[in-house]
Amino acid sequence: WNKLSPYKATTFIASVPAIADMLSITEFKDSNAGQSFHGTGKMITPF
């Protein structure tokens, strides 16, 4: 995210294994993030 500056990181395009890793990251595991993913299938990213 920092390397992309001064452009905005609007989109991540990720492989299936990379997405599985992202879903296991602690910062993605708060209750709001979990509810959003299970309810809509959309991940919440820190950015």
PDB file of all heavy atoms in Angstrom:
ATOM      1  N   TRP A   1       0.833  -1.205   0.000  1.00  0.00           N
ATOM      2  CA  TRP A   1       0.000   0.000   0.000  1.00  0.00           C
ATOM      3  C   TRP A   1       0.868   1.255   0.000  1.00  0.00           C
ATOM      4  O   TRP A   1       0.611   2.209  -0.741  1.00  0.00           O
ATOM      5  CB  TRP A   1      -0.912  -0.029   1.221  1.00  0.00           C
ATOM      6  CG  TRP A   1      -1.673   1.237   1.463  1.00  0.00           C
ATOM      7  CD1 TRP A   1      -2.819   1.646   0.838  1.00  0.00           C
ATOM      8  CD2 TRP A   1      -1.344   2.267   2.399  1.00  0.00           C
ATOM      9  NE1 TRP A   1      -3.230   2.855   1.331  1.00  0.00           N
ATOM     10  CE2 TRP A   1      -2.338   3.264   2.290  1.00  0.00           C
ATOM     11  CE3 TRP A   1      -0.324   2.433   3.324  1.00  0.00           C
ATOM     12  CZ2 TRP A   1      -2.336   4.411   3.072  1.00  0.00           C
ATOM     13  CZ3 TRP A   1      -0.311   3.583   4.105  1.00  0.00           C
ATOM     14  CH2 TRP A   1      -1.299   4.556   3.970  1.00  0.00           C
ATOM     15  N   ASN A   2       1.912   1.243   0.781  1.00  0.00           N
ATOM     16  CA  ASN A   2       2.794   2.400   0.895  1.00  0.00           C
ATOM     17  C   ASN A   2       3.585   2.634  -0.393  1.00  0.00           C
ATOM     18  O   ASN A   2       3.819   3.779  -0.799  1.00  0.00           O
ATOM     19  CB  ASN A   2       3.755   2.207   2.068  1.00  0.00           C
ATOM     20  CG  ASN A   2       4.530   3.461   2.387  1.00  0.00           C
ATOM     21  OD1 ASN A   2       3.960   4.533   2.540  1.00  0.00           O
ATOM     22  ND2 ASN A   2       5.845   3.335   2.477  1.00  0.00           N
ATOM     23  N   LYS A   3       3.984   1.549  -1.056  1.00  0.00           N
ATOM     24  CA  LYS A   3       4.758   1.652  -2.290  1.00  0.00           C
ATOM     25  C   LYS A   3       3.960   2.320  -3.413  1.00  0.00           C
ATOM     26  O   LYS A   3       4.540   2.926  -4.315  1.00  0.00           O
ATOM     27  CB  LYS A   3       5.186   0.252  -2.740  1.00  0.00           C
ATOM     28  CG  LYS A   3       6.394  -0.309  -2.029  1.00  0.00           C
ATOM     29  CD  LYS A   3       7.675   0.203  -2.664  1.00  0.00           C
ATOM     30  CE  LYS A   3       8.897  -0.517  -2.147  1.00  0.00           C
ATOM     31  NZ  LYS A   3      10.138  -0.022  -2.782  1.00  0.00           N
ATOM     32  N   LEU A   4       2.649   2.195  -3.354  1.00  0.00           N
ATOM     33  CA  LEU A   4       1.810   2.730  -4.429  1.00  0.00           C
ATOM     34  C   LEU A   4       1.680   4.250  -4.365  1.00  0.00           C
ATOM     35  O   LEU A   4       1.303   4.886  -5.346  1.00  0.00           O
ATOM     36  CB  LEU A   4       0.427   2.089  -4.377  1.00  0.00           C
ATOM     37  CG  LEU A   4      -0.402   2.126  -5.672  1.00  0.00           C
ATOM     38  CD1 LEU A   4       0.308   1.388  -6.788  1.00  0.00           C
ATOM     39  CD2 LEU A   4      -1.779   1.514  -5.437  1.00  0.00           C
ATOM     40  N   SER A   5       1.962   4.832  -3.227  1.00  0.00           N
ATOM     41  CA  SER A   5       1.850   6.282  -3.066  1.00  0.00           C
ATOM     42  C   SER A   5       2.686   7.000  -4.138  1.00  0.00           C
ATOM     43  O   SER A   5       3.768   6.529  -4.500  1.00  0.00           O
ATOM     44  CB  SER A   5       2.336   6.679  -1.667  1.00  0.00           C
ATOM     45  OG  SER A   5       2.268   8.062  -1.496  1.00  0.00           O
ATOM     46  N   PRO A   6       2.186   8.111  -4.709  1.00  0.00           N
ATOM     47  CA  PRO A   6       1.035   8.911  -4.280  1.00  0.00           C
ATOM     48  C   PRO A   6      -0.306   8.468  -4.869  1.00  0.00           C
ATOM     49  O   PRO A   6      -1.313   9.144  -4.705  1.00  0.00           O
ATOM     50  CB  PRO A   6       1.400  10.303  -4.811  1.00  0.00           C
ATOM     51  CG  PRO A   6       2.124  10.012  -6.082  1.00  0.00           C
ATOM     52  CD  PRO A   6       2.944   8.779  -5.805  1.00  0.00           C
ATOM     53  N   TYR A   7      -0.305   7.350  -5.599  1.00  0.00           N
ATOM     54  CA  TYR A   7      -1.572   6.827  -6.102  1.00  0.00           C
ATOM     55  C   TYR A   7      -2.332   6.149  -4.968  1.00  0.00           C
ATOM     56  O   TYR A   7      -1.749   5.762  -3.955  1.00  0.00           O
ATOM     57  CB  TYR A   7      -1.319   5.830  -7.237  1.00  0.00           C
ATOM     58  CG  TYR A   7      -0.642   6.438  -8.433  1.00  0.00           C
ATOM     59  CD1 TYR A   7       0.729   6.266  -8.643  1.00  0.00           C
ATOM     60  CD2 TYR A   7      -1.349   7.188  -9.355  1.00  0.00           C
ATOM     61  CE1 TYR A   7       1.364   6.826  -9.741  1.00  0.00           C
ATOM     62  CE2 TYR A   7      -0.724   7.752 -10.460  1.00  0.00           C
ATOM     63  CZ  TYR A   7       0.632   7.563 -10.639  1.00  0.00           C
ATOM     64  OH  TYR A   7       1.251   8.129 -11.720  1.00  0.00           O
ATOM     65  N   LYS A   8      -3.631   5.994  -5.155  1.00  0.00           N
ATOM     66  CA  LYS A   8      -4.470   5.349  -4.151  1.00  0.00           C
ATOM     67  C   LYS A   8      -4.592   3.856  -4.451  1.00  0.00           C
ATOM     68  O   LYS A   8      -4.774   3.463  -5.600  1.00  0.00           O
ATOM     69  CB  LYS A   8      -5.866   5.983  -4.127  1.00  0.00           C
ATOM     70  CG  LYS A   8      -5.885   7.444  -3.718  1.00  0.00           C
ATOM     71  CD  LYS A   8      -7.303   7.980  -3.745  1.00  0.00           C
ATOM     72  CE  LYS A   8      -7.363   9.442  -3.345  1.00  0.00           C
ATOM     73  NZ  LYS A   8      -8.755   9.973  -3.385  1.00  0.00           N
ATOM     74  N   ALA A   9      -4.521   3.051  -3.431  1.00  0.00           N
ATOM     75  CA  ALA A   9      -4.731   1.612  -3.585  1.00  0.00           C
ATOM     76  C   ALA A   9      -6.236   1.341  -3.563  1.00  0.00           C
ATOM     77  O   ALA A   9      -6.807   1.015  -2.528  1.00  0.00           O
ATOM     78  CB  ALA A   9      -4.024   0.835  -2.480  1.00  0.00           C
ATOM     79  N   THR A  10      -6.873   1.514  -4.701  1.00  0.00           N
ATOM     80  CA  THR A  10      -8.327   1.328  -4.769  1.00  0.00           C
ATOM     81  C   THR A  10      -8.721  -0.130  -4.901  1.00  0.00           C
ATOM     82  O   THR A  10      -9.812  -0.524  -4.496  1.00  0.00           O
ATOM     83  CB  THR A  10      -8.906   2.095  -5.966  1.00  0.00           C
ATOM     84  OG1 THR A  10      -8.347   1.561  -7.180  1.00  0.00           O
ATOM     85  CG2 THR A  10      -8.582   3.577  -5.884  1.00  0.00           C
ATOM     86  N   THR A  11      -7.806  -0.951  -5.471  1.00  0.00           N
ATOM     87  CA  THR A  11      -8.166  -2.321  -5.808  1.00  0.00           C
ATOM     88  C   THR A  11      -6.992  -3.265  -5.586  1.00  0.00           C
ATOM     89  O   THR A  11      -5.858  -2.956  -5.949  1.00  0.00           O
ATOM     90  CB  THR A  11      -8.602  -2.416  -7.288  1.00  0.00           C
ATOM     91  OG1 THR A  11      -9.544  -1.383  -7.579  1.00  0.00           O
ATOM     92  CG2 THR A  11      -9.228  -3.773  -7.583  1.00  0.00           C
ATOM     93  N   PHE A  12      -7.283  -4.418  -4.968  1.00  0.00           N
ATOM     94  CA  PHE A  12      -6.332  -5.518  -4.884  1.00  0.00           C
ATOM     95  C   PHE A  12      -6.849  -6.645  -5.773  1.00  0.00           C
ATOM     96  O   PHE A  12      -8.003  -7.048  -5.663  1.00  0.00           O
ATOM     97  CB  PHE A  12      -6.204  -6.053  -3.454  1.00  0.00           C
ATOM     98  CG  PHE A  12      -5.432  -5.171  -2.518  1.00  0.00           C
ATOM     99  CD1 PHE A  12      -5.480  -5.394  -1.147  1.00  0.00           C
ATOM    100  CD2 PHE A  12      -4.649  -4.132  -2.988  1.00  0.00           C
ATOM    101  CE1 PHE A  12      -4.770  -4.593  -0.263  1.00  0.00           C
ATOM    102  CE2 PHE A  12      -3.939  -3.324  -2.128  1.00  0.00           C
ATOM    103  CZ  PHE A  12      -3.994  -3.550  -0.750  1.00  0.00           C
ATOM    104  N   ILE A  13      -6.000  -7.154  -6.645  1.00  0.00           N
ATOM    105  CA  ILE A  13      -6.330  -8.340  -7.440  1.00  0.00           C
ATOM    106  C   ILE A  13      -5.469  -9.463  -6.903  1.00  0.00           C
ATOM    107  O   ILE A  13      -4.238  -9.398  -6.961  1.00  0.00           O
ATOM    108  CB  ILE A  13      -6.050  -8.120  -8.936  1.00  0.00           C
ATOM    109  CG1 ILE A  13      -6.781  -6.865  -9.435  1.00  0.00           C
ATOM    110  CG2 ILE A  13      -6.478  -9.336  -9.742  1.00  0.00           C
ATOM    111  CD1 ILE A  13      -6.414  -6.460 -10.840  1.00  0.00           C
ATOM    112  N   ALA A  14      -6.091 -10.491  -6.354  1.00  0.00           N
ATOM    113  CA  ALA A  14      -5.335 -11.508  -5.624  1.00  0.00           C
ATOM    114  C   ALA A  14      -5.676 -12.912  -6.104  1.00  0.00           C
ATOM    115  O   ALA A  14      -6.807 -13.195  -6.517  1.00  0.00           O
ATOM    116  CB  ALA A  14      -5.613 -11.388  -4.128  1.00  0.00           C
ATOM    117  N   SER A  15      -4.679 -13.800  -6.031  1.00  0.00           N
ATOM    118  CA  SER A  15      -4.894 -15.211  -6.316  1.00  0.00           C
ATOM    119  C   SER A  15      -5.679 -15.846  -5.170  1.00  0.00           C
ATOM    120  O   SER A  15      -5.778 -15.274  -4.081  1.00  0.00           O
ATOM    121  CB  SER A  15      -3.555 -15.924  -6.496  1.00  0.00           C
ATOM    122  OG  SER A  15      -2.821 -15.894  -5.277  1.00  0.00           O
ATOM    123  N   VAL A  16      -6.223 -17.016  -5.425  1.00  0.00           N
ATOM    124  CA  VAL A  16      -7.012 -17.707  -4.401  1.00  0.00           C
ATOM    125  C   VAL A  16      -6.195 -17.991  -3.139  1.00  0.00           C
ATOM    126  O   VAL A  16      -6.654 -17.721  -2.018  1.00  0.00           O
ATOM    127  CB  VAL A  16      -7.627 -18.999  -4.972  1.00  0.00           C
ATOM    128  CG1 VAL A  16      -8.312 -19.801  -3.874  1.00  0.00           C
ATOM    129  CG2 VAL A  16      -8.614 -18.666  -6.092  1.00  0.00           C
ATOM    130  N   PRO A  17      -4.961 -18.512  -3.262  1.00  0.00           N
ATOM    131  CA  PRO A  17      -4.165 -18.732  -2.040  1.00  0.00           C
ATOM    132  C   PRO A  17      -3.875 -17.432  -1.295  1.00  0.00           C
ATOM    133  O   PRO A  17      -3.862 -17.415  -0.059  1.00  0.00           O
ATOM    134  CB  PRO A  17      -2.871 -19.364  -2.576  1.00  0.00           C
ATOM    135  CG  PRO A  17      -3.258 -20.000  -3.859  1.00  0.00           C
ATOM    136  CD  PRO A  17      -4.276 -19.079  -4.446  1.00  0.00           C
ATOM    137  N   ALA A  18      -3.653 -16.344  -2.029  1.00  0.00           N
ATOM    138  CA  ALA A  18      -3.366 -15.065  -1.379  1.00  0.00           C
ATOM    139  C   ALA A  18      -4.584 -14.562  -0.610  1.00  0.00           C
ATOM    140  O   ALA A  18      -4.460 -14.024   0.496  1.00  0.00           O
ATOM    141  CB  ALA A  18      -2.939 -14.028  -2.418  1.00  0.00           C
ATOM    142  N   ILE A  19      -5.765 -14.752  -1.171  1.00  0.00           N
ATOM    143  CA  ILE A  19      -6.984 -14.337  -0.477  1.00  0.00           C
ATOM    144  C   ILE A  19      -7.185 -15.178   0.787  1.00  0.00           C
ATOM    145  O   ILE A  19      -7.594 -14.662   1.836  1.00  0.00           O
ATOM    146  CB  ILE A  19      -8.211 -14.448  -1.408  1.00  0.00           C
ATOM    147  CG1 ILE A  19      -8.135 -13.374  -2.495  1.00  0.00           C
ATOM    148  CG2 ILE A  19      -9.510 -14.305  -0.629  1.00  0.00           C
ATOM    149  CD1 ILE A  19      -9.273 -13.414  -3.489  1.00  0.00           C
ATOM    150  N   ALA A  20      -6.871 -16.467   0.697  1.00  0.00           N
ATOM    151  CA  ALA A  20      -6.978 -17.337   1.881  1.00  0.00           C
ATOM    152  C   ALA A  20      -6.042 -16.839   2.981  1.00  0.00           C
ATOM    153  O   ALA A  20      -6.410 -16.825   4.160  1.00  0.00           O
ATOM    154  CB  ALA A  20      -6.644 -18.770   1.506  1.00  0.00           C
ATOM    155  N   ASP A  21      -4.850 -16.411   2.602  1.00  0.00           N
ATOM    156  CA  ASP A  21      -3.912 -15.852   3.580  1.00  0.00           C
ATOM    157  C   ASP A  21      -4.478 -14.581   4.205  1.00  0.00           C
ATOM    158  O   ASP A  21      -4.403 -14.376   5.424  1.00  0.00           O
ATOM    159  CB  ASP A  21      -2.569 -15.523   2.908  1.00  0.00           C
ATOM    160  CG  ASP A  21      -1.783 -16.773   2.550  1.00  0.00           C
ATOM    161  OD1 ASP A  21      -2.131 -17.850   3.047  1.00  0.00           O
ATOM    162  OD2 ASP A  21      -0.832 -16.653   1.753  1.00  0.00           O
ATOM    163  N   MET A  22      -5.058 -13.725   3.362  1.00  0.00           N
ATOM    164  CA  MET A  22      -5.583 -12.453   3.855  1.00  0.00           C
ATOM    165  C   MET A  22      -6.716 -12.669   4.854  1.00  0.00           C
ATOM    166  O   MET A  22      -6.843 -11.939   5.840  1.00  0.00           O
ATOM    167  CB  MET A  22      -6.050 -11.595   2.666  1.00  0.00           C
ATOM    168  CG  MET A  22      -4.908 -11.135   1.767  1.00  0.00           C
ATOM    169  SD  MET A  22      -5.470 -10.399   0.208  1.00  0.00           S
ATOM    170  CE  MET A  22      -6.209  -8.889   0.789  1.00  0.00           C
ATOM    171  N   LEU A  23      -7.531 -13.676   4.595  1.00  0.00           N
ATOM    172  CA  LEU A  23      -8.640 -13.962   5.502  1.00  0.00           C
ATOM    173  C   LEU A  23      -8.161 -14.500   6.852  1.00  0.00           C
ATOM    174  O   LEU A  23      -8.906 -14.508   7.825  1.00  0.00           O
ATOM    175  CB  LEU A  23      -9.608 -14.969   4.860  1.00  0.00           C
ATOM    176  CG  LEU A  23     -10.471 -14.422   3.715  1.00  0.00           C
ATOM    177  CD1 LEU A  23     -11.208 -15.559   3.025  1.00  0.00           C
ATOM    178  CD2 LEU A  23     -11.460 -13.392   4.230  1.00  0.00           C
ATOM    179  N   SER A  24      -6.922 -14.963   6.885  1.00  0.00           N
ATOM    180  CA  SER A  24      -6.364 -15.503   8.130  1.00  0.00           C
ATOM    181  C   SER A  24      -5.598 -14.461   8.935  1.00  0.00           C
ATOM    182  O   SER A  24      -5.177 -14.732  10.061  1.00  0.00           O
ATOM    183  CB  SER A  24      -5.423 -16.677   7.803  1.00  0.00           C
ATOM    184  OG  SER A  24      -6.119 -17.707   7.144  1.00  0.00           O
ATOM    185  N   ILE A  25      -5.423 -13.269   8.345  1.00  0.00           N
ATOM    186  CA  ILE A  25      -4.681 -12.216   9.039  1.00  0.00           C
ATOM    187  C   ILE A  25      -5.509 -11.691  10.205  1.00  0.00           C
ATOM    188  O   ILE A  25      -6.714 -11.446  10.076  1.00  0.00           O
ATOM    189  CB  ILE A  25      -4.333 -11.074   8.056  1.00  0.00           C
ATOM    190  CG1 ILE A  25      -3.346 -11.587   6.995  1.00  0.00           C
ATOM    191  CG2 ILE A  25      -3.736  -9.880   8.791  1.00  0.00           C
ATOM    192  CD1 ILE A  25      -3.049 -10.584   5.909  1.00  0.00           C
ATOM    193  N   THR A  26      -4.873 -11.519  11.335  1.00  0.00           N
ATOM    194  CA  THR A  26      -5.572 -11.096  12.559  1.00  0.00           C
ATOM    195  C   THR A  26      -6.355  -9.820  12.347  1.00  0.00           C
ATOM    196  O   THR A  26      -7.487  -9.681  12.825  1.00  0.00           O
ATOM    197  CB  THR A  26      -4.558 -10.895  13.701  1.00  0.00           C
ATOM    198  OG1 THR A  26      -3.840 -12.110  13.906  1.00  0.00           O
ATOM    199  CG2 THR A  26      -5.265 -10.482  14.978  1.00  0.00           C
ATOM    200  N   GLU A  27      -5.790  -8.878  11.615  1.00  0.00           N
ATOM    201  CA  GLU A  27      -6.450  -7.580  11.396  1.00  0.00           C
ATOM    202  C   GLU A  27      -7.742  -7.713  10.608  1.00  0.00           C
ATOM    203  O   GLU A  27      -8.558  -6.782  10.576  1.00  0.00           O
ATOM    204  CB  GLU A  27      -5.501  -6.629  10.664  1.00  0.00           C
ATOM    205  CG  GLU A  27      -4.391  -6.057  11.524  1.00  0.00           C
ATOM    206  CD  GLU A  27      -3.268  -7.051  11.786  1.00  0.00           C
ATOM    207  OE1 GLU A  27      -3.301  -8.156  11.186  1.00  0.00           O
ATOM    208  OE2 GLU A  27      -2.361  -6.723  12.572  1.00  0.00           O
ATOM    209  N   PHE A  28      -7.949  -8.853   9.960  1.00  0.00           N
ATOM    210  CA  PHE A  28      -9.186  -9.084   9.221  1.00  0.00           C
ATOM    211  C   PHE A  28     -10.214  -9.864  10.038  1.00  0.00           C
ATOM    212  O   PHE A  28     -11.294 -10.156   9.558  1.00  0.00           O
ATOM    213  CB  PHE A  28      -8.906  -9.872   7.942  1.00  0.00           C
ATOM    214  CG  PHE A  28      -8.222  -9.087   6.872  1.00  0.00           C
ATOM    215  CD1 PHE A  28      -6.868  -9.202   6.689  1.00  0.00           C
ATOM    216  CD2 PHE A  28      -8.924  -8.238   6.045  1.00  0.00           C
ATOM    217  CE1 PHE A  28      -6.216  -8.497   5.710  1.00  0.00           C
ATOM    218  CE2 PHE A  28      -8.293  -7.525   5.062  1.00  0.00           C
ATOM    219  CZ  PHE A  28      -6.932  -7.645   4.897  1.00  0.00           C
ATOM    220  N   LYS A  29      -9.861 -10.208  11.246  1.00  0.00           N
ATOM    221  CA  LYS A  29     -10.699 -11.120  12.019  1.00  0.00           C
ATOM    222  C   LYS A  29     -11.541 -10.434  13.090  1.00  0.00           C
ATOM    223  O   LYS A  29     -12.113 -11.109  13.930  1.00  0.00           O
ATOM    224  CB  LYS A  29      -9.836 -12.196  12.668  1.00  0.00           C
ATOM    225  CG  LYS A  29      -9.295 -13.214  11.692  1.00  0.00           C
ATOM    226  CD  LYS A  29      -8.561 -14.326  12.406  1.00  0.00           C
ATOM    227  CE  LYS A  29      -8.152 -15.424  11.455  1.00  0.00           C
ATOM    228  NZ  LYS A  29      -7.458 -16.516  12.151  1.00  0.00           N
ATOM    229  N   ASP A  30     -11.639  -9.111  13.087  1.00  0.00           N
ATOM    230  CA  ASP A  30     -12.504  -8.473  14.076  1.00  0.00           C
ATOM    231  C   ASP A  30     -13.953  -8.805  13.752  1.00  0.00           C
ATOM    232  O   ASP A  30     -14.276  -9.242  12.650  1.00  0.00           O
ATOM    233  CB  ASP A  30     -12.270  -6.959  14.112  1.00  0.00           C
ATOM    234  CG  ASP A  30     -12.681  -6.301  12.814  1.00  0.00           C
ATOM    235  OD1 ASP A  30     -13.877  -6.029  12.665  1.00  0.00           O
ATOM    236  OD2 ASP A  30     -11.815  -6.082  11.941  1.00  0.00           O
ATOM    237  N   SER A  31     -14.841  -8.597  14.697  1.00  0.00           N
ATOM    238  CA  SER A  31     -16.231  -9.048  14.549  1.00  0.00           C
ATOM    239  C   SER A  31     -16.939  -8.385  13.374  1.00  0.00           C
ATOM    240  O   SER A  31     -17.691  -9.025  12.644  1.00  0.00           O
ATOM    241  CB  SER A  31     -17.011  -8.771  15.838  1.00  0.00           C
ATOM    242  OG  SER A  31     -16.980  -7.380  16.161  1.00  0.00           O
ATOM    243  N   ASN A  32     -16.700  -7.094  13.154  1.00  0.00           N
ATOM    244  CA  ASN A  32     -17.367  -6.396  12.051  1.00  0.00           C
ATOM    245  C   ASN A  32     -16.932  -6.953  10.707  1.00  0.00           C
ATOM    246  O   ASN A  32     -17.740  -7.131   9.789  1.00  0.00           O
ATOM    247  CB  ASN A  32     -17.073  -4.897  12.117  1.00  0.00           C
ATOM    248  CG  ASN A  32     -17.770  -4.234  13.282  1.00  0.00           C
ATOM    249  OD1 ASN A  32     -18.820  -4.701  13.730  1.00  0.00           O
ATOM    250  ND2 ASN A  32     -17.189  -3.150  13.796  1.00  0.00           N
ATOM    251  N   ALA A  33     -15.609  -7.211  10.569  1.00  0.00           N
ATOM    252  CA  ALA A  33     -15.102  -7.776   9.320  1.00  0.00           C
ATOM    253  C   ALA A  33     -15.708  -9.145   9.056  1.00  0.00           C
ATOM    254  O   ALA A  33     -16.098  -9.471   7.936  1.00  0.00           O
ATOM    255  CB  ALA A  33     -13.583  -7.863   9.366  1.00  0.00           C
ATOM    256  N   GLY A  34     -15.789  -9.970  10.107  1.00  0.00           N
ATOM    257  CA  GLY A  34     -16.349 -11.307   9.952  1.00  0.00           C
ATOM    258  C   GLY A  34     -17.808 -11.278   9.549  1.00  0.00           C
ATOM    259  O   GLY A  34     -18.240 -12.014   8.676  1.00  0.00           O
ATOM    260  N   GLN A  35     -18.582 -10.404  10.164  1.00  0.00           N
ATOM    261  CA  GLN A  35     -19.999 -10.302   9.829  1.00  0.00           C
ATOM    262  C   GLN A  35     -20.192  -9.845   8.392  1.00  0.00           C
ATOM    263  O   GLN A  35     -21.071 -10.331   7.675  1.00  0.00           O
ATOM    264  CB  GLN A  35     -20.677  -9.325  10.794  1.00  0.00           C
ATOM    265  CG  GLN A  35     -20.816  -9.865  12.218  1.00  0.00           C
ATOM    266  CD  GLN A  35     -21.407  -8.829  13.154  1.00  0.00           C
ATOM    267  OE1 GLN A  35     -21.817  -7.760  12.719  1.00  0.00           O
ATOM    268  NE2 GLN A  35     -21.442  -9.155  14.438  1.00  0.00           N
ATOM    269  N   SER A  36     -19.372  -8.897   7.958  1.00  0.00           N
ATOM    270  CA  SER A  36     -19.491  -8.407   6.590  1.00  0.00           C
ATOM    271  C   SER A  36     -19.151  -9.503   5.586  1.00  0.00           C
ATOM    272  O   SER A  36     -19.860  -9.693   4.596  1.00  0.00           O
ATOM    273  CB  SER A  36     -18.555  -7.209   6.372  1.00  0.00           C
ATOM    274  OG  SER A  36     -18.593  -6.786   5.027  1.00  0.00           O
ATOM    275  N   PHE A  37     -18.075 -10.253   5.830  1.00  0.00           N
ATOM    276  CA  PHE A  37     -17.672 -11.294   4.881  1.00  0.00           C
ATOM    277  C   PHE A  37     -18.706 -12.409   4.807  1.00  0.00           C
ATOM    278  O   PHE A  37     -19.086 -12.855   3.724  1.00  0.00           O
ATOM    279  CB  PHE A  37     -16.311 -11.866   5.279  1.00  0.00           C
ATOM    280  CG  PHE A  37     -15.844 -12.959   4.360  1.00  0.00           C
ATOM    281  CD1 PHE A  37     -15.424 -12.675   3.081  1.00  0.00           C
ATOM    282  CD2 PHE A  37     -15.849 -14.286   4.780  1.00  0.00           C
ATOM    283  CE1 PHE A  37     -14.997 -13.677   2.222  1.00  0.00           C
ATOM    284  CE2 PHE A  37     -15.426 -15.297   3.932  1.00  0.00           C
ATOM    285  CZ  PHE A  37     -14.998 -14.986   2.651  1.00  0.00           C
ATOM    286  N   HIS A  38     -19.197 -12.855   5.961  1.00  0.00           N
ATOM    287  CA  HIS A  38     -20.178 -13.946   5.966  1.00  0.00           C
ATOM    288  C   HIS A  38     -21.533 -13.499   5.430  1.00  0.00           C
ATOM    289  O   HIS A  38     -22.270 -14.293   4.853  1.00  0.00           O
ATOM    290  CB  HIS A  38     -20.332 -14.517   7.373  1.00  0.00           C
ATOM    291  CG  HIS A  38     -19.122 -15.240   7.857  1.00  0.00           C
ATOM    292  ND1 HIS A  38     -18.637 -16.373   7.250  1.00  0.00           N
ATOM    293  CD2 HIS A  38     -18.272 -14.982   8.889  1.00  0.00           C
ATOM    294  CE1 HIS A  38     -17.556 -16.802   7.885  1.00  0.00           C
ATOM    295  NE2 HIS A  38     -17.308 -15.965   8.886  1.00  0.00           N
ATOM    296  N   GLY A  39     -21.843 -12.209   5.597  1.00  0.00           N
ATOM    297  CA  GLY A  39     -23.143 -11.716   5.140  1.00  0.00           C
ATOM    298  C   GLY A  39     -23.176 -11.320   3.680  1.00  0.00           C
ATOM    299  O   GLY A  39     -24.190 -11.497   3.010  1.00  0.00           O
ATOM    300  N   THR A  40     -22.056 -10.770   3.176  1.00  0.00           N
ATOM    301  CA  THR A  40     -22.044 -10.252   1.805  1.00  0.00           C
ATOM    302  C   THR A  40     -21.009 -10.915   0.924  1.00  0.00           C
ATOM    303  O   THR A  40     -21.049 -10.759  -0.298  1.00  0.00           O
ATOM    304  CB  THR A  40     -21.773  -8.737   1.807  1.00  0.00           C
ATOM    305  OG1 THR A  40     -20.435  -8.499   2.267  1.00  0.00           O
ATOM    306  CG2 THR A  40     -22.744  -8.007   2.722  1.00  0.00           C
ATOM    307  N   GLY A  41     -20.061 -11.633   1.513  1.00  0.00           N
ATOM    308  CA  GLY A  41     -18.984 -12.224   0.730  1.00  0.00           C
ATOM    309  C   GLY A  41     -17.894 -11.232   0.381  1.00  0.00           C
ATOM    310  O   GLY A  41     -16.962 -11.545  -0.352  1.00  0.00           O
ATOM    311  N   LYS A  42     -17.984 -10.015   0.910  1.00  0.00           N
ATOM    312  CA  LYS A  42     -16.995  -8.978   0.628  1.00  0.00           C
ATOM    313  C   LYS A  42     -16.042  -8.839   1.811  1.00  0.00           C
ATOM    314  O   LYS A  42     -16.464  -8.746   2.956  1.00  0.00           O
ATOM    315  CB  LYS A  42     -17.681  -7.634   0.358  1.00  0.00           C
ATOM    316  CG  LYS A  42     -18.536  -7.629  -0.895  1.00  0.00           C
ATOM    317  CD  LYS A  42     -19.150  -6.253  -1.127  1.00  0.00           C
ATOM    318  CE  LYS A  42     -19.982  -6.246  -2.401  1.00  0.00           C
ATOM    319  NZ  LYS A  42     -20.597  -4.907  -2.633  1.00  0.00           N
ATOM    320  N   MET A  43     -14.746  -8.823   1.483  1.00  0.00           N
ATOM    321  CA  MET A  43     -13.748  -8.659   2.517  1.00  0.00           C
ATOM    322  C   MET A  43     -13.618  -7.194   2.908  1.00  0.00           C
ATOM    323  O   MET A  43     -13.893  -6.303   2.111  1.00  0.00           O
ATOM    324  CB  MET A  43     -12.380  -9.145   2.021  1.00  0.00           C
ATOM    325  CG  MET A  43     -12.275 -10.632   1.798  1.00  0.00           C
ATOM    326  SD  MET A  43     -10.654 -11.044   1.129  1.00  0.00           S
ATOM    327  CE  MET A  43      -9.593 -10.362   2.388  1.00  0.00           C
ATOM    328  N   ILE A  44     -13.195  -6.968   4.131  1.00  0.00           N
ATOM    329  CA  ILE A  44     -12.833  -5.629   4.577  1.00  0.00           C
ATOM    330  C   ILE A  44     -11.320  -5.561   4.662  1.00  0.00           C
ATOM    331  O   ILE A  44     -10.690  -6.418   5.281  1.00  0.00           O
ATOM    332  CB  ILE A  44     -13.445  -5.306   5.946  1.00  0.00           C
ATOM    333  CG1 ILE A  44     -14.972  -5.247   5.833  1.00  0.00           C
ATOM    334  CG2 ILE A  44     -12.907  -3.997   6.494  1.00  0.00           C
ATOM    335  CD1 ILE A  44     -15.667  -4.963   7.143  1.00  0.00           C
ATOM    336  N   THR A  45     -10.717  -4.596   4.009  1.00  0.00           N
ATOM    337  CA  THR A  45      -9.271  -4.441   4.078  1.00  0.00           C
ATOM    338  C   THR A  45      -8.952  -3.225   4.927  1.00  0.00           C
ATOM    339  O   THR A  45      -9.778  -2.309   5.062  1.00  0.00           O
ATOM    340  CB  THR A  45      -8.663  -4.254   2.683  1.00  0.00           C
ATOM    341  OG1 THR A  45      -8.967  -2.931   2.225  1.00  0.00           O
ATOM    342  CG2 THR A  45      -9.201  -5.277   1.711  1.00  0.00           C
ATOM    343  N   PRO A  46      -7.758  -3.171   5.481  1.00  0.00           N
ATOM    344  CA  PRO A  46      -7.391  -2.026   6.301  1.00  0.00           C
ATOM    345  C   PRO A  46      -7.276  -0.729   5.507  1.00  0.00           C
ATOM    346  O   PRO A  46      -7.194   0.339   6.059  1.00  0.00           O
ATOM    347  CB  PRO A  46      -6.010  -2.421   6.865  1.00  0.00           C
ATOM    348  CG  PRO A  46      -5.903  -3.884   6.654  1.00  0.00           C
ATOM    349  CD  PRO A  46      -6.738  -4.207   5.467  1.00  0.00           C
ATOM    350  N   PHE A  47      -7.269  -0.862   4.166  1.00  0.00           N
ATOM    351  CA  PHE A  47      -7.056   0.310   3.328  1.00  0.00           C
ATOM    352  C   PHE A  47      -8.310   0.731   2.575  1.00  0.00           C
ATOM    353  O   PHE A  47      -8.274   1.669   1.786  1.00  0.00           O
ATOM    354  CB  PHE A  47      -5.922   0.036   2.326  1.00  0.00           C
ATOM    355  CG  PHE A  47      -4.819  -0.805   2.891  1.00  0.00           C
ATOM    356  CD1 PHE A  47      -4.599  -2.091   2.435  1.00  0.00           C
ATOM    357  CD2 PHE A  47      -4.022  -0.318   3.919  1.00  0.00           C
ATOM    358  CE1 PHE A  47      -3.590  -2.875   2.969  1.00  0.00           C
ATOM    359  CE2 PHE A  47      -3.009  -1.101   4.460  1.00  0.00           C
ATOM    360  CZ  PHE A  47      -2.787  -2.374   3.993  1.00  0.00           C
TER     361      PHE A  47
END
